[in-house]
Amino acid sequence: AKGRVIVATFSSNVHRVQQVINSSITYGRKVAFSGRSMEKI
């Protein structure tokens, strides 16, 4: 990825979200959540 990474997944899949965060940390990326259920869960 050369620009922003946007990952769409189920908001309840916390383990998937964790892995997206882990990959982001590996490449020095900040993480933002979008979508009401994603933000809440």
Full PDB file with SEQRES, HELIX, SHEET, SSBOND, CRYST1, ORIGX, SCALE, CONECT and MASTER records, all heavy atoms in Angstrom:
SEQRES   1 A   41  ALA LYS GLY ARG VAL ILE VAL ALA THR PHE SER SER ASN          
SEQRES   2 A   41  VAL HIS ARG VAL GLN GLN VAL ILE ASN SER SER ILE THR          
SEQRES   3 A   41  TYR GLY ARG LYS VAL ALA PHE SER GLY ARG SER MET GLU          
SEQRES   4 A   41  LYS ILE                                                      
HELIX    1 AA1 VAL A   14  THR A   26  1                                  13    
HELIX    2 AA2 ARG A   36  LYS A   40  1                                   5    
CRYST1    1.000    1.000    1.000  90.00  90.00  90.00 P 1           1          
ORIGX1      1.000000  0.000000  0.000000        0.00000                         
ORIGX2      0.000000  1.000000  0.000000        0.00000                         
ORIGX3      0.000000  0.000000  1.000000        0.00000                         
SCALE1      1.000000  0.000000  0.000000        0.00000                         
SCALE2      0.000000  1.000000  0.000000        0.00000                         
SCALE3      0.000000  0.000000  1.000000        0.00000                         
ATOM      1  N   ALA A   1       0.824  -1.209   0.000  1.00  0.00           N  
ATOM      2  CA  ALA A   1       0.000   0.000   0.000  1.00  0.00           C  
ATOM      3  C   ALA A   1       0.854   1.253   0.000  1.00  0.00           C  
ATOM      4  O   ALA A   1       1.749   1.423   0.836  1.00  0.00           O  
ATOM      5  CB  ALA A   1      -0.921  -0.003   1.213  1.00  0.00           C  
ATOM      6  N   LYS A   2       0.575   2.139  -0.958  1.00  0.00           N  
ATOM      7  CA  LYS A   2       1.312   3.404  -1.057  1.00  0.00           C  
ATOM      8  C   LYS A   2       0.543   4.572  -0.421  1.00  0.00           C  
ATOM      9  O   LYS A   2       1.126   5.547   0.006  1.00  0.00           O  
ATOM     10  CB  LYS A   2       1.587   3.733  -2.531  1.00  0.00           C  
ATOM     11  CG  LYS A   2       2.390   2.663  -3.262  1.00  0.00           C  
ATOM     12  CD  LYS A   2       3.796   2.532  -2.688  1.00  0.00           C  
ATOM     13  CE  LYS A   2       4.645   1.589  -3.523  1.00  0.00           C  
ATOM     14  NZ  LYS A   2       4.275   0.173  -3.329  1.00  0.00           N  
ATOM     15  N   GLY A   3      -0.799   4.437  -0.377  1.00  0.00           N  
ATOM     16  CA  GLY A   3      -1.628   5.486   0.217  1.00  0.00           C  
ATOM     17  C   GLY A   3      -2.349   4.989   1.452  1.00  0.00           C  
ATOM     18  O   GLY A   3      -1.831   4.156   2.202  1.00  0.00           O  
ATOM     19  N   ARG A   4      -3.537   5.482   1.660  1.00  0.00           N  
ATOM     20  CA  ARG A   4      -4.310   5.041   2.824  1.00  0.00           C  
ATOM     21  C   ARG A   4      -4.748   3.590   2.644  1.00  0.00           C  
ATOM     22  O   ARG A   4      -5.024   3.137   1.519  1.00  0.00           O  
ATOM     23  CB  ARG A   4      -5.561   5.917   2.994  1.00  0.00           C  
ATOM     24  CG  ARG A   4      -5.268   7.368   3.275  1.00  0.00           C  
ATOM     25  CD  ARG A   4      -6.552   8.169   3.441  1.00  0.00           C  
ATOM     26  NE  ARG A   4      -7.454   8.066   2.295  1.00  0.00           N  
ATOM     27  CZ  ARG A   4      -8.596   8.729   2.190  1.00  0.00           C  
ATOM     28  NH1 ARG A   4      -8.989   9.545   3.154  1.00  0.00           N  
ATOM     29  NH2 ARG A   4      -9.358   8.588   1.119  1.00  0.00           N  
ATOM     30  N   VAL A   5      -4.815   2.873   3.736  1.00  0.00           N  
ATOM     31  CA  VAL A   5      -5.402   1.532   3.733  1.00  0.00           C  
ATOM     32  C   VAL A   5      -6.776   1.627   4.396  1.00  0.00           C  
ATOM     33  O   VAL A   5      -6.897   2.139   5.513  1.00  0.00           O  
ATOM     34  CB  VAL A   5      -4.525   0.512   4.479  1.00  0.00           C  
ATOM     35  CG1 VAL A   5      -5.247  -0.835   4.564  1.00  0.00           C  
ATOM     36  CG2 VAL A   5      -3.188   0.346   3.781  1.00  0.00           C  
ATOM     37  N   ILE A   6      -7.793   1.162   3.684  1.00  0.00           N  
ATOM     38  CA  ILE A   6      -9.153   1.129   4.234  1.00  0.00           C  
ATOM     39  C   ILE A   6      -9.584  -0.328   4.276  1.00  0.00           C  
ATOM     40  O   ILE A   6      -9.651  -0.990   3.231  1.00  0.00           O  
ATOM     41  CB  ILE A   6     -10.126   1.961   3.365  1.00  0.00           C  
ATOM     42  CG1 ILE A   6      -9.648   3.420   3.280  1.00  0.00           C  
ATOM     43  CG2 ILE A   6     -11.541   1.894   3.947  1.00  0.00           C  
ATOM     44  CD1 ILE A   6     -10.457   4.273   2.317  1.00  0.00           C  
ATOM     45  N   VAL A   7      -9.827  -0.839   5.478  1.00  0.00           N  
ATOM     46  CA  VAL A   7     -10.208  -2.241   5.646  1.00  0.00           C  
ATOM     47  C   VAL A   7     -11.658  -2.319   6.101  1.00  0.00           C  
ATOM     48  O   VAL A   7     -12.025  -1.747   7.140  1.00  0.00           O  
ATOM     49  CB  VAL A   7      -9.301  -2.960   6.669  1.00  0.00           C  
ATOM     50  CG1 VAL A   7      -9.701  -4.435   6.782  1.00  0.00           C  
ATOM     51  CG2 VAL A   7      -7.838  -2.848   6.259  1.00  0.00           C  
ATOM     52  N   ALA A   8     -12.472  -3.009   5.325  1.00  0.00           N  
ATOM     53  CA  ALA A   8     -13.878  -3.227   5.694  1.00  0.00           C  
ATOM     54  C   ALA A   8     -14.029  -4.641   6.229  1.00  0.00           C  
ATOM     55  O   ALA A   8     -13.622  -5.613   5.572  1.00  0.00           O  
ATOM     56  CB  ALA A   8     -14.786  -3.019   4.485  1.00  0.00           C  
ATOM     57  N   THR A   9     -14.591  -4.759   7.420  1.00  0.00           N  
ATOM     58  CA  THR A   9     -14.803  -6.068   8.016  1.00  0.00           C  
ATOM     59  C   THR A   9     -15.993  -5.989   8.964  1.00  0.00           C  
ATOM     60  O   THR A   9     -16.570  -4.916   9.185  1.00  0.00           O  
ATOM     61  CB  THR A   9     -13.541  -6.561   8.750  1.00  0.00           C  
ATOM     62  OG1 THR A   9     -13.707  -7.938   9.105  1.00  0.00           O  
ATOM     63  CG2 THR A   9     -13.256  -5.736   9.997  1.00  0.00           C  
ATOM     64  N   PHE A  10     -16.374  -7.122   9.534  1.00  0.00           N  
ATOM     65  CA  PHE A  10     -17.470  -7.145  10.502  1.00  0.00           C  
ATOM     66  C   PHE A  10     -17.008  -6.486  11.800  1.00  0.00           C  
ATOM     67  O   PHE A  10     -15.946  -6.830  12.324  1.00  0.00           O  
ATOM     68  CB  PHE A  10     -17.929  -8.573  10.775  1.00  0.00           C  
ATOM     69  CG  PHE A  10     -18.547  -9.252   9.593  1.00  0.00           C  
ATOM     70  CD1 PHE A  10     -17.905 -10.309   8.961  1.00  0.00           C  
ATOM     71  CD2 PHE A  10     -19.771  -8.836   9.093  1.00  0.00           C  
ATOM     72  CE1 PHE A  10     -18.475 -10.942   7.875  1.00  0.00           C  
ATOM     73  CE2 PHE A  10     -20.349  -9.458   8.002  1.00  0.00           C  
ATOM     74  CZ  PHE A  10     -19.699 -10.507   7.388  1.00  0.00           C  
ATOM     75  N   SER A  11     -17.811  -5.597  12.330  1.00  0.00           N  
ATOM     76  CA  SER A  11     -17.415  -4.868  13.540  1.00  0.00           C  
ATOM     77  C   SER A  11     -17.253  -5.794  14.743  1.00  0.00           C  
ATOM     78  O   SER A  11     -16.459  -5.517  15.646  1.00  0.00           O  
ATOM     79  CB  SER A  11     -18.444  -3.781  13.858  1.00  0.00           C  
ATOM     80  OG  SER A  11     -19.738  -4.335  13.996  1.00  0.00           O  
ATOM     81  N   SER A  12     -17.970  -6.906  14.752  1.00  0.00           N  
ATOM     82  CA  SER A  12     -17.898  -7.826  15.895  1.00  0.00           C  
ATOM     83  C   SER A  12     -16.666  -8.713  15.861  1.00  0.00           C  
ATOM     84  O   SER A  12     -16.338  -9.357  16.861  1.00  0.00           O  
ATOM     85  CB  SER A  12     -19.153  -8.706  15.934  1.00  0.00           C  
ATOM     86  OG  SER A  12     -19.249  -9.472  14.743  1.00  0.00           O  
ATOM     87  N   ASN A  13     -15.960  -8.762  14.708  1.00  0.00           N  
ATOM     88  CA  ASN A  13     -14.800  -9.648  14.591  1.00  0.00           C  
ATOM     89  C   ASN A  13     -13.576  -8.958  15.193  1.00  0.00           C  
ATOM     90  O   ASN A  13     -12.687  -8.471  14.482  1.00  0.00           O  
ATOM     91  CB  ASN A  13     -14.557 -10.031  13.135  1.00  0.00           C  
ATOM     92  CG  ASN A  13     -13.638 -11.235  12.996  1.00  0.00           C  
ATOM     93  OD1 ASN A  13     -12.886 -11.550  13.913  1.00  0.00           O  
ATOM     94  ND2 ASN A  13     -13.699 -11.896  11.865  1.00  0.00           N  
ATOM     95  N   VAL A  14     -13.525  -8.933  16.505  1.00  0.00           N  
ATOM     96  CA  VAL A  14     -12.474  -8.229  17.233  1.00  0.00           C  
ATOM     97  C   VAL A  14     -11.089  -8.775  16.881  1.00  0.00           C  
ATOM     98  O   VAL A  14     -10.105  -8.028  16.796  1.00  0.00           O  
ATOM     99  CB  VAL A  14     -12.734  -8.318  18.754  1.00  0.00           C  
ATOM    100  CG1 VAL A  14     -11.583  -7.730  19.545  1.00  0.00           C  
ATOM    101  CG2 VAL A  14     -14.030  -7.601  19.105  1.00  0.00           C  
ATOM    102  N   HIS A  15     -11.001 -10.074  16.661  1.00  0.00           N  
ATOM    103  CA  HIS A  15      -9.704 -10.671  16.325  1.00  0.00           C  
ATOM    104  C   HIS A  15      -9.208 -10.180  14.966  1.00  0.00           C  
ATOM    105  O   HIS A  15      -8.001  -9.939  14.796  1.00  0.00           O  
ATOM    106  CB  HIS A  15      -9.821 -12.195  16.327  1.00  0.00           C  
ATOM    107  CG  HIS A  15     -10.215 -12.753  17.649  1.00  0.00           C  
ATOM    108  ND1 HIS A  15     -10.969 -13.907  17.792  1.00  0.00           N  
ATOM    109  CD2 HIS A  15      -9.972 -12.313  18.914  1.00  0.00           C  
ATOM    110  CE1 HIS A  15     -11.166 -14.153  19.078  1.00  0.00           C  
ATOM    111  NE2 HIS A  15     -10.573 -13.204  19.774  1.00  0.00           N  
ATOM    112  N   ARG A  16     -10.110 -10.004  14.012  1.00  0.00           N  
ATOM    113  CA  ARG A  16      -9.718  -9.464  12.708  1.00  0.00           C  
ATOM    114  C   ARG A  16      -9.270  -8.008  12.857  1.00  0.00           C  
ATOM    115  O   ARG A  16      -8.275  -7.581  12.270  1.00  0.00           O  
ATOM    116  CB  ARG A  16     -10.901  -9.571  11.735  1.00  0.00           C  
ATOM    117  CG  ARG A  16     -10.602  -9.165  10.301  1.00  0.00           C  
ATOM    118  CD  ARG A  16      -9.739 -10.189   9.562  1.00  0.00           C  
ATOM    119  NE  ARG A  16     -10.211 -11.543   9.730  1.00  0.00           N  
ATOM    120  CZ  ARG A  16     -11.237 -12.091   9.045  1.00  0.00           C  
ATOM    121  NH1 ARG A  16     -11.865 -11.377   8.134  1.00  0.00           N  
ATOM    122  NH2 ARG A  16     -11.591 -13.348   9.247  1.00  0.00           N  
ATOM    123  N   VAL A  17     -10.026  -7.259  13.642  1.00  0.00           N  
ATOM    124  CA  VAL A  17      -9.665  -5.859  13.895  1.00  0.00           C  
ATOM    125  C   VAL A  17      -8.288  -5.785  14.552  1.00  0.00           C  
ATOM    126  O   VAL A  17      -7.453  -4.937  14.196  1.00  0.00           O  
ATOM    127  CB  VAL A  17     -10.734  -5.169  14.776  1.00  0.00           C  
ATOM    128  CG1 VAL A  17     -10.273  -3.779  15.205  1.00  0.00           C  
ATOM    129  CG2 VAL A  17     -12.063  -5.076  14.026  1.00  0.00           C  
ATOM    130  N   GLN A  18      -8.027  -6.692  15.495  1.00  0.00           N  
ATOM    131  CA  GLN A  18      -6.715  -6.723  16.158  1.00  0.00           C  
ATOM    132  C   GLN A  18      -5.597  -6.939  15.147  1.00  0.00           C  
ATOM    133  O   GLN A  18      -4.538  -6.290  15.215  1.00  0.00           O  
ATOM    134  CB  GLN A  18      -6.692  -7.846  17.200  1.00  0.00           C  
ATOM    135  CG  GLN A  18      -5.370  -7.981  17.944  1.00  0.00           C  
ATOM    136  CD  GLN A  18      -5.114  -6.826  18.903  1.00  0.00           C  
ATOM    137  OE1 GLN A  18      -5.783  -6.702  19.919  1.00  0.00           O  
ATOM    138  NE2 GLN A  18      -4.136  -5.982  18.590  1.00  0.00           N  
ATOM    139  N   GLN A  19      -5.827  -7.812  14.189  1.00  0.00           N  
ATOM    140  CA  GLN A  19      -4.785  -8.112  13.207  1.00  0.00           C  
ATOM    141  C   GLN A  19      -4.568  -6.951  12.239  1.00  0.00           C  
ATOM    142  O   GLN A  19      -3.442  -6.703  11.801  1.00  0.00           O  
ATOM    143  CB  GLN A  19      -5.127  -9.392  12.456  1.00  0.00           C  
ATOM    144  CG  GLN A  19      -5.192 -10.589  13.397  1.00  0.00           C  
ATOM    145  CD  GLN A  19      -5.103 -11.913  12.694  1.00  0.00           C  
ATOM    146  OE1 GLN A  19      -4.082 -12.577  12.727  1.00  0.00           O  
ATOM    147  NE2 GLN A  19      -6.180 -12.309  12.043  1.00  0.00           N  
ATOM    148  N   VAL A  20      -5.637  -6.229  11.913  1.00  0.00           N  
ATOM    149  CA  VAL A  20      -5.486  -5.025  11.089  1.00  0.00           C  
ATOM    150  C   VAL A  20      -4.656  -3.985  11.854  1.00  0.00           C  
ATOM    151  O   VAL A  20      -3.766  -3.332  11.282  1.00  0.00           O  
ATOM    152  CB  VAL A  20      -6.861  -4.446  10.692  1.00  0.00           C  
ATOM    153  CG1 VAL A  20      -6.685  -3.121   9.947  1.00  0.00           C  
ATOM    154  CG2 VAL A  20      -7.640  -5.431   9.830  1.00  0.00           C  
ATOM    155  N   ILE A  21      -4.930  -3.857  13.144  1.00  0.00           N  
ATOM    156  CA  ILE A  21      -4.154  -2.923  13.978  1.00  0.00           C  
ATOM    157  C   ILE A  21      -2.688  -3.358  14.042  1.00  0.00           C  
ATOM    158  O   ILE A  21      -1.766  -2.536  13.906  1.00  0.00           O  
ATOM    159  CB  ILE A  21      -4.771  -2.829  15.385  1.00  0.00           C  
ATOM    160  CG1 ILE A  21      -6.133  -2.135  15.315  1.00  0.00           C  
ATOM    161  CG2 ILE A  21      -3.843  -2.086  16.346  1.00  0.00           C  
ATOM    162  CD1 ILE A  21      -6.925  -2.167  16.610  1.00  0.00           C  
ATOM    163  N   ASN A  22      -2.452  -4.666  14.208  1.00  0.00           N  
ATOM    164  CA  ASN A  22      -1.079  -5.177  14.260  1.00  0.00           C  
ATOM    165  C   ASN A  22      -0.323  -4.867  12.970  1.00  0.00           C  
ATOM    166  O   ASN A  22       0.846  -4.452  12.999  1.00  0.00           O  
ATOM    167  CB  ASN A  22      -1.076  -6.685  14.509  1.00  0.00           C  
ATOM    168  CG  ASN A  22      -1.607  -7.057  15.887  1.00  0.00           C  
ATOM    169  OD1 ASN A  22      -1.730  -6.197  16.764  1.00  0.00           O  
ATOM    170  ND2 ASN A  22      -1.925  -8.317  16.083  1.00  0.00           N  
ATOM    171  N   SER A  23      -0.986  -5.074  11.817  1.00  0.00           N  
ATOM    172  CA  SER A  23      -0.354  -4.787  10.525  1.00  0.00           C  
ATOM    173  C   SER A  23      -0.072  -3.299  10.380  1.00  0.00           C  
ATOM    174  O   SER A  23       0.959  -2.896   9.824  1.00  0.00           O  
ATOM    175  CB  SER A  23      -1.249  -5.272   9.381  1.00  0.00           C  
ATOM    176  OG  SER A  23      -1.445  -6.670   9.435  1.00  0.00           O  
ATOM    177  N   SER A  24      -0.999  -2.486  10.886  1.00  0.00           N  
ATOM    178  CA  SER A  24      -0.814  -1.032  10.820  1.00  0.00           C  
ATOM    179  C   SER A  24       0.396  -0.600  11.646  1.00  0.00           C  
ATOM    180  O   SER A  24       1.200   0.236  11.207  1.00  0.00           O  
ATOM    181  CB  SER A  24      -2.076  -0.320  11.328  1.00  0.00           C  
ATOM    182  OG  SER A  24      -3.200  -0.656  10.537  1.00  0.00           O  
ATOM    183  N   ILE A  25       0.541  -1.179  12.826  1.00  0.00           N  
ATOM    184  CA  ILE A  25       1.673  -0.843  13.695  1.00  0.00           C  
ATOM    185  C   ILE A  25       2.992  -1.225  13.020  1.00  0.00           C  
ATOM    186  O   ILE A  25       3.982  -0.485  13.083  1.00  0.00           O  
ATOM    187  CB  ILE A  25       1.522  -1.549  15.058  1.00  0.00           C  
ATOM    188  CG1 ILE A  25       0.313  -0.978  15.820  1.00  0.00           C  
ATOM    189  CG2 ILE A  25       2.786  -1.407  15.895  1.00  0.00           C  
ATOM    190  CD1 ILE A  25      -0.101  -1.806  17.022  1.00  0.00           C  
ATOM    191  N   THR A  26       2.984  -2.381  12.347  1.00  0.00           N  
ATOM    192  CA  THR A  26       4.191  -2.835  11.660  1.00  0.00           C  
ATOM    193  C   THR A  26       4.702  -1.799  10.662  1.00  0.00           C  
ATOM    194  O   THR A  26       5.919  -1.611  10.500  1.00  0.00           O  
ATOM    195  CB  THR A  26       3.910  -4.167  10.925  1.00  0.00           C  
ATOM    196  OG1 THR A  26       3.515  -5.159  11.877  1.00  0.00           O  
ATOM    197  CG2 THR A  26       5.134  -4.656  10.163  1.00  0.00           C  
ATOM    198  N   TYR A  27       3.772  -1.096  10.004  1.00  0.00           N  
ATOM    199  CA  TYR A  27       4.158  -0.121   8.986  1.00  0.00           C  
ATOM    200  C   TYR A  27       3.949   1.324   9.452  1.00  0.00           C  
ATOM    201  O   TYR A  27       3.858   2.233   8.636  1.00  0.00           O  
ATOM    202  CB  TYR A  27       3.390  -0.401   7.691  1.00  0.00           C  
ATOM    203  CG  TYR A  27       3.853  -1.692   7.053  1.00  0.00           C  
ATOM    204  CD1 TYR A  27       3.130  -2.865   7.227  1.00  0.00           C  
ATOM    205  CD2 TYR A  27       5.040  -1.744   6.319  1.00  0.00           C  
ATOM    206  CE1 TYR A  27       3.563  -4.066   6.678  1.00  0.00           C  
ATOM    207  CE2 TYR A  27       5.481  -2.939   5.775  1.00  0.00           C  
ATOM    208  CZ  TYR A  27       4.745  -4.098   5.954  1.00  0.00           C  
ATOM    209  OH  TYR A  27       5.196  -5.282   5.408  1.00  0.00           O  
ATOM    210  N   GLY A  28       3.893   1.510  10.754  1.00  0.00           N  
ATOM    211  CA  GLY A  28       3.870   2.858  11.321  1.00  0.00           C  
ATOM    212  C   GLY A  28       2.620   3.662  10.991  1.00  0.00           C  
ATOM    213  O   GLY A  28       2.679   4.889  10.870  1.00  0.00           O  
ATOM    214  N   ARG A  29       1.493   2.995  10.891  1.00  0.00           N  
ATOM    215  CA  ARG A  29       0.245   3.675  10.538  1.00  0.00           C  
ATOM    216  C   ARG A  29      -0.604   3.942  11.778  1.00  0.00           C  
ATOM    217  O   ARG A  29      -0.674   3.114  12.697  1.00  0.00           O  
ATOM    218  CB  ARG A  29      -0.574   2.838   9.549  1.00  0.00           C  
ATOM    219  CG  ARG A  29       0.038   2.740   8.163  1.00  0.00           C  
ATOM    220  CD  ARG A  29      -0.778   1.795   7.280  1.00  0.00           C  
ATOM    221  NE  ARG A  29      -0.240   1.743   5.921  1.00  0.00           N  
ATOM    222  CZ  ARG A  29      -0.640   2.511   4.920  1.00  0.00           C  
ATOM    223  NH1 ARG A  29      -1.613   3.391   5.133  1.00  0.00           N  
ATOM    224  NH2 ARG A  29      -0.103   2.406   3.718  1.00  0.00           N  
ATOM    225  N   LYS A  30      -1.267   5.098  11.788  1.00  0.00           N  
ATOM    226  CA  LYS A  30      -2.291   5.393  12.778  1.00  0.00           C  
ATOM    227  C   LYS A  30      -3.596   4.742  12.326  1.00  0.00           C  
ATOM    228  O   LYS A  30      -3.817   4.512  11.130  1.00  0.00           O  
ATOM    229  CB  LYS A  30      -2.490   6.899  12.927  1.00  0.00           C  
ATOM    230  CG  LYS A  30      -1.245   7.668  13.351  1.00  0.00           C  
ATOM    231  CD  LYS A  30      -0.804   7.305  14.763  1.00  0.00           C  
ATOM    232  CE  LYS A  30       0.364   8.178  15.207  1.00  0.00           C  
ATOM    233  NZ  LYS A  30       0.830   7.812  16.571  1.00  0.00           N  
ATOM    234  N   VAL A  31      -4.472   4.456  13.287  1.00  0.00           N  
ATOM    235  CA  VAL A  31      -5.718   3.737  12.982  1.00  0.00           C  
ATOM    236  C   VAL A  31      -6.926   4.562  13.411  1.00  0.00           C  
ATOM    237  O   VAL A  31      -6.973   5.073  14.538  1.00  0.00           O  
ATOM    238  CB  VAL A  31      -5.759   2.365  13.696  1.00  0.00           C  
ATOM    239  CG1 VAL A  31      -7.084   1.662  13.431  1.00  0.00           C  
ATOM    240  CG2 VAL A  31      -4.596   1.496  13.237  1.00  0.00           C  
ATOM    241  N   ALA A  32      -7.901   4.675  12.503  1.00  0.00           N  
ATOM    242  CA  ALA A  32      -9.172   5.342  12.819  1.00  0.00           C  
ATOM    243  C   ALA A  32     -10.315   4.381  12.521  1.00  0.00           C  
ATOM    244  O   ALA A  32     -10.226   3.571  11.589  1.00  0.00           O  
ATOM    245  CB  ALA A  32      -9.322   6.621  12.000  1.00  0.00           C  
ATOM    246  N   PHE A  33     -11.380   4.463  13.306  1.00  0.00           N  
ATOM    247  CA  PHE A  33     -12.553   3.617  13.100  1.00  0.00           C  
ATOM    248  C   PHE A  33     -13.665   4.423  12.445  1.00  0.00           C  
ATOM    249  O   PHE A  33     -13.903   5.590  12.789  1.00  0.00           O  
ATOM    250  CB  PHE A  33     -13.049   3.054  14.432  1.00  0.00           C  
ATOM    251  CG  PHE A  33     -12.062   2.158  15.119  1.00  0.00           C  
ATOM    252  CD1 PHE A  33     -11.411   2.565  16.281  1.00  0.00           C  
ATOM    253  CD2 PHE A  33     -11.770   0.911  14.607  1.00  0.00           C  
ATOM    254  CE1 PHE A  33     -10.501   1.756  16.917  1.00  0.00           C  
ATOM    255  CE2 PHE A  33     -10.851   0.078  15.237  1.00  0.00           C  
ATOM    256  CZ  PHE A  33     -10.218   0.501  16.390  1.00  0.00           C  
ATOM    257  N   SER A  34     -14.383   3.785  11.518  1.00  0.00           N  
ATOM    258  CA  SER A  34     -15.494   4.446  10.827  1.00  0.00           C  
ATOM    259  C   SER A  34     -16.714   3.529  10.833  1.00  0.00           C  
ATOM    260  O   SER A  34     -16.600   2.324  10.563  1.00  0.00           O  
ATOM    261  CB  SER A  34     -15.094   4.773   9.383  1.00  0.00           C  
ATOM    262  OG  SER A  34     -16.183   5.292   8.672  1.00  0.00           O  
ATOM    263  N   GLY A  35     -17.859   4.107  11.125  1.00  0.00           N  
ATOM    264  CA  GLY A  35     -19.088   3.311  11.197  1.00  0.00           C  
ATOM    265  C   GLY A  35     -19.523   3.174  12.638  1.00  0.00           C  
ATOM    266  O   GLY A  35     -18.707   2.875  13.522  1.00  0.00           O  
ATOM    267  N   ARG A  36     -20.795   3.380  12.887  1.00  0.00           N  
ATOM    268  CA  ARG A  36     -21.309   3.432  14.266  1.00  0.00           C  
ATOM    269  C   ARG A  36     -21.005   2.148  15.041  1.00  0.00           C  
ATOM    270  O   ARG A  36     -20.509   2.193  16.168  1.00  0.00           O  
ATOM    271  CB  ARG A  36     -22.814   3.692  14.225  1.00  0.00           C  
ATOM    272  CG  ARG A  36     -23.477   3.811  15.588  1.00  0.00           C  
ATOM    273  CD  ARG A  36     -24.910   4.310  15.443  1.00  0.00           C  
ATOM    274  NE  ARG A  36     -25.613   4.236  16.702  1.00  0.00           N  
ATOM    275  CZ  ARG A  36     -26.340   3.195  17.097  1.00  0.00           C  
ATOM    276  NH1 ARG A  36     -26.439   2.134  16.310  1.00  0.00           N  
ATOM    277  NH2 ARG A  36     -26.978   3.193  18.251  1.00  0.00           N  
ATOM    278  N   SER A  37     -21.306   0.989  14.449  1.00  0.00           N  
ATOM    279  CA  SER A  37     -21.096  -0.265  15.178  1.00  0.00           C  
ATOM    280  C   SER A  37     -19.610  -0.548  15.361  1.00  0.00           C  
ATOM    281  O   SER A  37     -19.194  -1.078  16.399  1.00  0.00           O  
ATOM    282  CB  SER A  37     -21.771  -1.429  14.450  1.00  0.00           C  
ATOM    283  OG  SER A  37     -21.220  -1.627  13.165  1.00  0.00           O  
ATOM    284  N   MET A  38     -18.791  -0.177  14.371  1.00  0.00           N  
ATOM    285  CA  MET A  38     -17.341  -0.385  14.495  1.00  0.00           C  
ATOM    286  C   MET A  38     -16.784   0.454  15.638  1.00  0.00           C  
ATOM    287  O   MET A  38     -15.969  -0.026  16.450  1.00  0.00           O  
ATOM    288  CB  MET A  38     -16.650  -0.027  13.178  1.00  0.00           C  
ATOM    289  CG  MET A  38     -15.151  -0.271  13.183  1.00  0.00           C  
ATOM    290  SD  MET A  38     -14.701  -2.022  13.319  1.00  0.00           S  
ATOM    291  CE  MET A  38     -15.147  -2.618  11.680  1.00  0.00           C  
ATOM    292  N   GLU A  39     -17.199   1.707  15.695  1.00  0.00           N  
ATOM    293  CA  GLU A  39     -16.717   2.587  16.752  1.00  0.00           C  
ATOM    294  C   GLU A  39     -17.161   2.085  18.131  1.00  0.00           C  
ATOM    295  O   GLU A  39     -16.383   2.072  19.089  1.00  0.00           O  
ATOM    296  CB  GLU A  39     -17.231   4.009  16.516  1.00  0.00           C  
ATOM    297  CG  GLU A  39     -16.636   4.670  15.284  1.00  0.00           C  
ATOM    298  CD  GLU A  39     -17.336   5.975  14.923  1.00  0.00           C  
ATOM    299  OE1 GLU A  39     -18.083   6.490  15.772  1.00  0.00           O  
ATOM    300  OE2 GLU A  39     -17.141   6.464  13.801  1.00  0.00           O  
ATOM    301  N   LYS A  40     -18.417   1.649  18.213  1.00  0.00           N  
ATOM    302  CA  LYS A  40     -18.955   1.217  19.509  1.00  0.00           C  
ATOM    303  C   LYS A  40     -18.298  -0.072  19.990  1.00  0.00           C  
ATOM    304  O   LYS A  40     -17.830  -0.156  21.136  1.00  0.00           O  
ATOM    305  CB  LYS A  40     -20.475   1.019  19.397  1.00  0.00           C  
ATOM    306  CG  LYS A  40     -21.125   0.598  20.711  1.00  0.00           C  
ATOM    307  CD  LYS A  40     -22.631   0.519  20.581  1.00  0.00           C  
ATOM    308  CE  LYS A  40     -23.073  -0.694  19.782  1.00  0.00           C  
ATOM    309  NZ  LYS A  40     -24.543  -0.888  19.823  1.00  0.00           N  
ATOM    310  N   ILE A  41     -18.240  -1.083  19.127  1.00  0.00           N  
ATOM    311  CA  ILE A  41     -17.728  -2.384  19.559  1.00  0.00           C  
ATOM    312  C   ILE A  41     -16.223  -2.334  19.808  1.00  0.00           C  
ATOM    313  O   ILE A  41     -15.721  -2.945  20.760  1.00  0.00           O  
ATOM    314  CB  ILE A  41     -18.092  -3.468  18.522  1.00  0.00           C  
ATOM    315  CG1 ILE A  41     -19.612  -3.678  18.511  1.00  0.00           C  
ATOM    316  CG2 ILE A  41     -17.382  -4.781  18.828  1.00  0.00           C  
ATOM    317  CD1 ILE A  41     -20.104  -4.679  17.488  1.00  0.00           C  
TER     318      ILE A  41                                                      
MASTER        0    0    0    2    0    0    0    6  317    1    0    4          
END                                                                             
